[in-house]
Every structure is written in structure tokens, then in C-alpha cells.
Amino acid sequence: MKWKCKLRRSVILTALLMSCFSAVLSAQDRAKGTPTKSKVVEWKLGVALYTFSTMSFPEQLAYADSASLKYVEGFVFAKAGKELKDTVLFKLSPVGIQALKKKVADQGLKMESVYIIGGKTVADWQRDFEVAKAFGVKYVTAEPPRNLWDSVDSLAGAYGIKVALHNHWKGNSIYWHPDSVLAALKGHPNFGACPDLGHYPKSGINPVLALKKLEGKIIGIHLKDIAEYNNNKIQDVPVGTGVVDFPAVFTELKQQRFKGYVMFERDTKEQPNNLASLRQMVDYYHSTLGLPR
């Protein structure tokens, strides 16, 4: 019996030592900035189809697929394609929307968000929510006017779709500063944030600091870069070639344990299209994060 007791004590002691050793390693990893299980990238990578805004919706899907991306974010003023007489999405019939929804699935893609424009009336916003619901998205990216915050929040609740508030630059958007987004979120449980990282520098705002302010409120992100601060006249540049510190952005998102959507986007229209720069940005993303392709 004595040898059994000694064996039991030995096993317990070994387990305690291993537990302590593991805790020390975890602390060392945190100190060195080494990714731990809590910092594993679980983001849903995709592209905002506005990147290919001069093309029809089916063509946009084909380009997203060519860049090996899984998620896409549509926009309701895109043309539906020749088969549907190039009708813009928000004017399509339910049958037309189902036809495009099938194209998304057939392409092996997922469209879980769509940019909506709404308008000056509640009816305008309801029209776009109907489109979003028909596509089966989880959230809409939008910029509702201040006087319609309550109505849009109520519509979002009724349709079961979140609203991710999107920012442009100062003078062009009431959401240009993260504080203005936080103000809109108060009392509106169906609102969240969709920070556009390339627009913040145009207003002199550091994107990383903006993300810190919006921690816990972010649904999706538009991954965009810009050539300089405090200049709202210039166009965007491919992610990783401008002034946005993306390694710091990615570190911040990891620390926040962000698990939402990361959407590449280009506003600039390159020739013949933005596919080459999109592929370049996808490569940059994976190499910077040390992820396999």
C-alpha cells in the first residue's frame, strides 16, 4: 500500500509542476507578444464589392472568387447583370433577388452583409431592409441620418438584422469620428460599428486609436489604406502601401478578440480593374499575419 501512496503523490506532484510550467510559458508568450490561443485570428475575410463598382453583381462575384476570398459585402445600388436587365439591386423583384442569391451560393461565396443607402424617409430604409432580408444577410453597413436613428434601429430589430455604422471623412459624414459613432450607439441596441480604416486618416484620426475606442462595438471592418493624413482629396491606395499601420491594427484586433468581418475595399478605379491590387492586398494580409494561403 505504501508504494501505491508514493506513486499517487508522485503523479499529483508531476501534474502540479506541469501546470506551473504551462502558466510560466503562457506568461512569457504574453510578454513577448507571441500569439496565444486567445489571439488566434478568427476573422471572416472578404471584399466589399464596391471595389468592383463599375461592374455588374455577377461580375463582382467572379472577381471576388478569383482572389480566393470567401465573404463578400454587396451594395444595393449595384447593377444586377444583363439577365436582369441591369436593374439596381434595391429595385429588383423577390424573384430577381433569389436569382442573385443563388449566384452567390453557386460561386461558393457567402454574402452576410450588404451596404444600404436608405434615404430621407422610413419607407426608404424599409425598402432596403427588405432587400437585405431577402439576401439573408446578418448585418447591413449604413449611414442613417441622425433624425432617423430610432426608426432605423426599430427596423433593424424587426428584421433581425444589425446595422454597422460606416464612416467617411469629416464634412462628408456625421460618423467621421469614433465618438460620433459611440453617440449613435447609445440607446440603439441594434447598432454596431463598421470602421473604414482608410477614411480615418483623411480626418487626422489614427485608425488604431479609433479601433480602441470602438472596442466591443465592431461588427465588420473595411480594410483600406491612404497615402497621407489630413488630405480628403486623395484616393486610397492598396492596403499595406500607405500610412495605416496594419501590423498595429491586427495586433489591436487580436487583443480585442475580434471575431467579425474584415473586408478589403478599394474606392480607386484602376485599369482594367482592381483585381490585381486585391490579390496584392490578400497576399499582404496573409504574410503580415503569418497565415498560410
Protein backbone atom coordinates (compact mmCIF):
# COMPACT_ATOMS: atom_id res chain seq x y z
CA MET A 1 0.00 0.00 0.00
CA LYS A 2 2.92 2.38 0.77
CA TRP A 3 4.25 2.18 -2.79
CA LYS A 4 0.78 3.00 -4.13
CA CYS A 5 0.62 6.10 -1.93
CA LYS A 6 4.07 7.19 -3.10
CA LEU A 7 3.05 6.66 -6.73
CA ARG A 8 -0.12 8.69 -6.24
CA ARG A 9 1.86 11.54 -4.64
CA SER A 10 4.35 11.40 -7.49
CA VAL A 11 1.61 11.68 -10.12
CA ILE A 12 -0.01 14.62 -8.33
CA LEU A 13 3.34 16.41 -7.96
CA THR A 14 4.12 15.91 -11.66
CA ALA A 15 0.73 17.33 -12.66
CA LEU A 16 1.27 20.38 -10.46
CA LEU A 17 4.72 21.01 -11.92
CA MET A 18 3.40 20.72 -15.47
CA SER A 19 0.60 23.16 -14.67
CA CYS A 20 3.06 25.69 -13.25
CA PHE A 21 5.38 25.25 -16.24
CA SER A 22 2.50 25.86 -18.64
CA ALA A 23 1.48 29.02 -16.78
CA VAL A 24 5.06 30.36 -16.94
CA LEU A 25 5.25 29.72 -20.70
CA SER A 26 1.90 31.46 -21.24
CA ALA A 27 3.10 34.49 -19.28
CA GLN A 28 6.33 34.57 -21.32
CA ASP A 29 4.34 34.40 -24.55
CA ARG A 30 2.20 37.35 -23.49
CA ALA A 31 5.28 39.35 -22.55
CA LYS A 32 6.92 38.65 -25.92
CA GLY A 33 3.75 39.30 -27.87
CA THR A 34 3.65 35.70 -29.06
CA PRO A 35 0.14 34.74 -30.22
CA THR A 36 -1.72 32.64 -27.68
CA LYS A 37 -4.94 30.72 -28.18
CA SER A 38 -6.90 33.84 -27.22
CA LYS A 39 -5.15 35.74 -30.05
CA VAL A 40 -5.84 33.29 -32.84
CA VAL A 41 -7.17 35.03 -35.95
CA GLU A 42 -10.84 34.12 -36.34
CA TRP A 43 -11.80 36.87 -38.74
CA LYS A 44 -14.09 36.41 -41.71
CA LEU A 45 -12.05 37.69 -44.63
CA GLY A 46 -13.71 39.07 -47.71
CA VAL A 47 -14.15 42.01 -50.05
CA ALA A 48 -16.60 44.88 -50.26
CA LEU A 49 -17.93 44.50 -53.80
CA TYR A 50 -17.84 48.28 -54.23
CA THR A 51 -14.22 47.54 -55.11
CA PHE A 52 -15.66 46.50 -58.49
CA SER A 53 -18.47 49.06 -58.60
CA THR A 54 -18.23 49.65 -62.35
CA MET A 55 -19.18 46.01 -62.98
CA SER A 56 -22.39 44.06 -62.56
CA PHE A 57 -23.11 41.96 -59.47
CA PRO A 58 -22.33 38.60 -61.17
CA GLU A 59 -19.02 40.01 -62.44
CA GLN A 60 -18.18 41.28 -58.97
CA LEU A 61 -18.71 37.80 -57.56
CA ALA A 62 -16.42 36.28 -60.17
CA TYR A 63 -13.61 38.68 -59.25
CA ALA A 64 -14.02 38.01 -55.53
CA ASP A 65 -13.76 34.30 -56.24
CA SER A 66 -10.65 34.90 -58.37
CA ALA A 67 -8.99 36.48 -55.33
CA SER A 68 -9.70 33.33 -53.27
CA LEU A 69 -11.98 35.14 -50.83
CA LYS A 70 -14.96 33.57 -49.08
CA TYR A 71 -17.06 36.54 -47.96
CA VAL A 72 -18.46 39.44 -49.96
CA GLU A 73 -20.34 42.58 -49.00
CA GLY A 74 -22.71 43.75 -51.70
CA PHE A 75 -24.28 47.19 -52.16
CA VAL A 76 -27.87 47.86 -53.09
CA PHE A 77 -27.17 50.23 -55.96
CA ALA A 78 -25.13 47.66 -57.92
CA LYS A 79 -26.41 46.55 -61.32
CA ALA A 80 -27.89 43.05 -61.31
CA GLY A 81 -26.47 41.97 -64.69
CA LYS A 82 -27.76 41.53 -68.21
CA GLU A 83 -30.07 38.64 -67.33
CA LEU A 84 -31.99 41.01 -65.05
CA LYS A 85 -31.72 44.00 -67.39
CA ASP A 86 -29.07 45.64 -65.20
CA THR A 87 -31.71 46.66 -62.68
CA VAL A 88 -30.15 48.01 -59.48
CA LEU A 89 -30.47 45.61 -56.57
CA PHE A 90 -32.87 47.69 -54.49
CA LYS A 91 -35.37 47.74 -57.37
CA LEU A 92 -35.30 44.00 -58.04
CA SER A 93 -38.32 41.76 -57.59
CA PRO A 94 -38.13 38.97 -54.98
CA VAL A 95 -37.57 36.52 -57.86
CA GLY A 96 -34.64 38.60 -59.12
CA ILE A 97 -33.04 38.73 -55.69
CA GLN A 98 -33.34 34.96 -55.31
CA ALA A 99 -31.64 34.54 -58.68
CA LEU A 100 -28.67 36.61 -57.49
CA LYS A 101 -28.64 34.88 -54.11
CA LYS A 102 -28.28 31.59 -55.96
CA LYS A 103 -25.33 33.01 -57.93
CA VAL A 104 -23.59 33.82 -54.64
CA ALA A 105 -24.03 30.23 -53.45
CA ASP A 106 -23.09 28.73 -56.82
CA GLN A 107 -19.86 30.76 -56.73
CA GLY A 108 -19.06 29.22 -53.35
CA LEU A 109 -19.25 32.61 -51.61
CA LYS A 110 -21.11 33.97 -48.60
CA MET A 111 -22.79 37.38 -48.55
CA GLU A 112 -23.59 38.08 -44.92
CA SER A 113 -23.61 41.87 -45.23
CA VAL A 114 -24.77 44.49 -47.70
CA TYR A 115 -24.28 48.25 -47.88
CA ILE A 116 -27.62 50.04 -47.96
CA ILE A 117 -28.33 53.68 -48.76
CA GLY A 118 -31.78 54.17 -47.24
CA GLY A 119 -32.97 57.73 -47.76
CA LYS A 120 -34.82 60.57 -46.08
CA THR A 121 -37.88 58.55 -45.09
CA VAL A 122 -38.57 55.42 -43.07
CA ALA A 123 -40.08 53.88 -46.21
CA ASP A 124 -36.73 54.27 -47.99
CA TRP A 125 -34.98 52.36 -45.23
CA GLN A 126 -37.66 49.69 -45.08
CA ARG A 127 -37.21 49.12 -48.82
CA ASP A 128 -33.50 48.41 -48.30
CA PHE A 129 -34.11 46.23 -45.25
CA GLU A 130 -36.47 44.15 -47.39
CA VAL A 131 -33.64 43.62 -49.89
CA ALA A 132 -31.20 42.75 -47.11
CA LYS A 133 -33.66 40.28 -45.58
CA ALA A 134 -34.23 38.62 -48.95
CA PHE A 135 -30.49 38.12 -49.38
CA GLY A 136 -30.31 36.62 -45.89
CA VAL A 137 -27.58 38.90 -44.56
CA LYS A 138 -26.66 39.20 -40.89
CA TYR A 139 -25.97 42.92 -40.92
CA VAL A 140 -26.16 45.98 -43.12
CA THR A 141 -23.49 48.63 -43.42
CA ALA A 142 -25.13 52.04 -43.45
CA GLU A 143 -25.05 55.73 -42.55
CA PRO A 144 -28.54 56.64 -41.33
CA PRO A 145 -29.26 60.34 -40.68
CA ARG A 146 -29.48 61.41 -37.05
CA ASN A 147 -33.21 62.12 -37.18
CA LEU A 148 -33.90 58.51 -38.24
CA TRP A 149 -31.73 56.70 -35.71
CA ASP A 150 -34.69 55.49 -33.66
CA SER A 151 -36.65 54.37 -36.73
CA VAL A 152 -33.71 52.57 -38.34
CA ASP A 153 -32.88 50.86 -35.04
CA SER A 154 -36.50 49.70 -34.78
CA LEU A 155 -36.44 48.38 -38.35
CA ALA A 156 -33.22 46.52 -37.61
CA GLY A 157 -34.84 44.89 -34.61
CA ALA A 158 -37.96 43.96 -36.56
CA TYR A 159 -35.96 42.40 -39.40
CA GLY A 160 -33.39 40.76 -37.12
CA ILE A 161 -30.52 42.48 -38.91
CA LYS A 162 -27.80 44.56 -37.21
CA VAL A 163 -26.73 47.97 -38.52
CA ALA A 164 -22.97 48.60 -38.75
CA LEU A 165 -22.39 52.37 -38.85
CA HIS A 166 -19.85 53.31 -41.51
CA ASN A 167 -17.63 56.39 -41.55
CA HIS A 168 -16.44 58.69 -44.28
CA TRP A 169 -14.28 61.75 -43.60
CA LYS A 170 -15.04 64.99 -41.75
CA GLY A 171 -17.50 67.13 -43.65
CA ASN A 172 -18.76 64.13 -45.61
CA SER A 173 -20.20 62.00 -42.81
CA ILE A 174 -21.67 62.50 -39.34
CA TYR A 175 -19.78 59.34 -38.38
CA TRP A 176 -16.31 60.67 -39.26
CA HIS A 177 -15.13 60.45 -35.63
CA PRO A 178 -15.42 57.29 -33.48
CA ASP A 179 -17.02 59.42 -30.74
CA SER A 180 -19.90 60.25 -33.09
CA VAL A 181 -20.41 56.53 -33.71
CA LEU A 182 -20.46 55.87 -29.97
CA ALA A 183 -23.04 58.63 -29.56
CA ALA A 184 -25.29 56.95 -32.14
CA LEU A 185 -24.95 53.59 -30.39
CA LYS A 186 -26.41 54.89 -27.14
CA GLY A 187 -29.99 53.70 -26.79
CA HIS A 188 -29.86 51.81 -30.08
CA PRO A 189 -29.19 48.14 -29.29
CA ASN A 190 -29.26 47.08 -32.95
CA PHE A 191 -26.44 49.44 -33.95
CA GLY A 192 -22.76 48.50 -34.16
CA ALA A 193 -19.74 49.86 -36.00
CA CYS A 194 -18.06 49.30 -39.36
CA PRO A 195 -14.91 51.44 -39.21
CA ASP A 196 -13.37 52.28 -42.58
CA LEU A 197 -9.66 52.44 -41.77
CA GLY A 198 -8.73 54.34 -44.92
CA HIS A 199 -11.14 57.20 -44.25
CA TYR A 200 -9.98 57.98 -40.69
CA PRO A 201 -6.58 59.46 -41.72
CA LYS A 202 -8.37 61.92 -44.04
CA SER A 203 -9.76 63.49 -40.86
CA GLY A 204 -6.46 63.23 -38.99
CA ILE A 205 -7.56 60.24 -36.94
CA ASN A 206 -5.24 57.33 -36.18
CA PRO A 207 -7.15 54.14 -37.17
CA VAL A 208 -5.64 52.13 -34.30
CA LEU A 209 -6.85 54.66 -31.73
CA ALA A 210 -10.27 54.63 -33.38
CA LEU A 211 -10.44 50.86 -33.06
CA LYS A 212 -9.53 51.13 -29.38
CA LYS A 213 -12.45 53.49 -28.82
CA LEU A 214 -14.85 51.19 -30.64
CA GLU A 215 -13.76 48.02 -28.85
CA GLY A 216 -16.63 45.61 -28.35
CA LYS A 217 -18.85 47.51 -30.80
CA ILE A 218 -17.27 46.46 -34.11
CA ILE A 219 -19.24 44.16 -36.40
CA GLY A 220 -17.13 44.48 -39.52
CA ILE A 221 -14.19 46.46 -40.84
CA HIS A 222 -13.41 47.99 -44.22
CA LEU A 223 -9.71 47.38 -44.77
CA LYS A 224 -8.47 50.36 -46.75
CA ASP A 225 -5.27 52.41 -46.90
CA ILE A 226 -4.45 56.02 -47.75
CA ALA A 227 -1.26 57.82 -48.80
CA GLU A 228 -1.24 60.60 -46.19
CA TYR A 229 -3.03 62.15 -43.24
CA ASN A 230 -5.28 65.23 -43.29
CA ASN A 231 -5.98 65.21 -47.01
CA ASN A 232 -9.52 64.28 -48.05
CA LYS A 233 -8.86 65.00 -51.72
CA ILE A 234 -6.66 62.00 -52.41
CA GLN A 235 -7.76 58.50 -53.36
CA ASP A 236 -7.00 55.31 -51.49
CA VAL A 237 -4.00 53.06 -52.13
CA PRO A 238 -3.62 49.27 -51.77
CA VAL A 239 -3.58 48.04 -48.18
CA GLY A 240 -0.01 47.99 -46.87
CA THR A 241 1.33 50.74 -49.14
CA GLY A 242 0.05 53.82 -47.29
CA VAL A 243 0.18 55.39 -43.85
CA VAL A 244 -2.09 52.99 -41.94
CA ASP A 245 -0.07 50.82 -39.54
CA PHE A 246 -1.69 47.48 -40.31
CA PRO A 247 0.57 45.34 -38.08
CA ALA A 248 -0.64 47.53 -35.20
CA VAL A 249 -4.22 47.24 -36.47
CA PHE A 250 -4.02 43.46 -36.49
CA THR A 251 -2.43 43.40 -33.03
CA GLU A 252 -5.25 45.57 -31.67
CA LEU A 253 -7.92 43.33 -33.19
CA LYS A 254 -6.28 40.28 -31.67
CA GLN A 255 -6.16 41.92 -28.26
CA GLN A 256 -9.86 42.73 -28.59
CA ARG A 257 -10.52 39.09 -29.50
CA PHE A 258 -12.36 40.36 -32.54
CA LYS A 259 -14.25 37.66 -34.44
CA GLY A 260 -16.07 39.69 -37.06
CA TYR A 261 -15.70 40.55 -40.72
CA VAL A 262 -12.65 42.05 -42.39
CA MET A 263 -13.48 43.37 -45.86
CA PHE A 264 -10.90 44.67 -48.31
CA GLU A 265 -12.09 47.69 -50.24
CA ARG A 266 -10.80 49.98 -52.97
CA ASP A 267 -12.51 53.20 -53.99
CA THR A 268 -9.96 53.99 -56.68
CA LYS A 269 -10.74 52.51 -60.08
CA GLU A 270 -7.60 51.02 -61.59
CA GLN A 271 -7.33 49.78 -65.16
CA PRO A 272 -8.51 47.37 -66.28
CA ASN A 273 -9.92 46.67 -62.77
CA ASN A 274 -8.93 46.29 -59.12
CA LEU A 275 -8.33 42.52 -59.20
CA ALA A 276 -4.53 42.78 -59.26
CA SER A 277 -4.42 45.12 -56.27
CA LEU A 278 -6.99 42.98 -54.42
CA ARG A 279 -4.77 39.93 -54.83
CA GLN A 280 -1.80 42.01 -53.68
CA MET A 281 -3.72 43.04 -50.55
CA VAL A 282 -4.75 39.46 -49.80
CA ASP A 283 -1.10 38.39 -50.04
CA TYR A 284 -0.06 41.25 -47.77
CA TYR A 285 -2.69 40.29 -45.20
CA HIS A 286 -1.56 36.66 -45.03
CA SER A 287 2.17 37.43 -44.99
CA THR A 288 1.81 40.12 -42.31
CA LEU A 289 -0.19 37.80 -40.06
CA GLY A 290 1.98 34.78 -40.89
CA LEU A 291 -1.01 32.85 -42.20
CA PRO A 292 -0.87 30.12 -44.85
CA ARG A 293 -2.57 30.72 -48.20
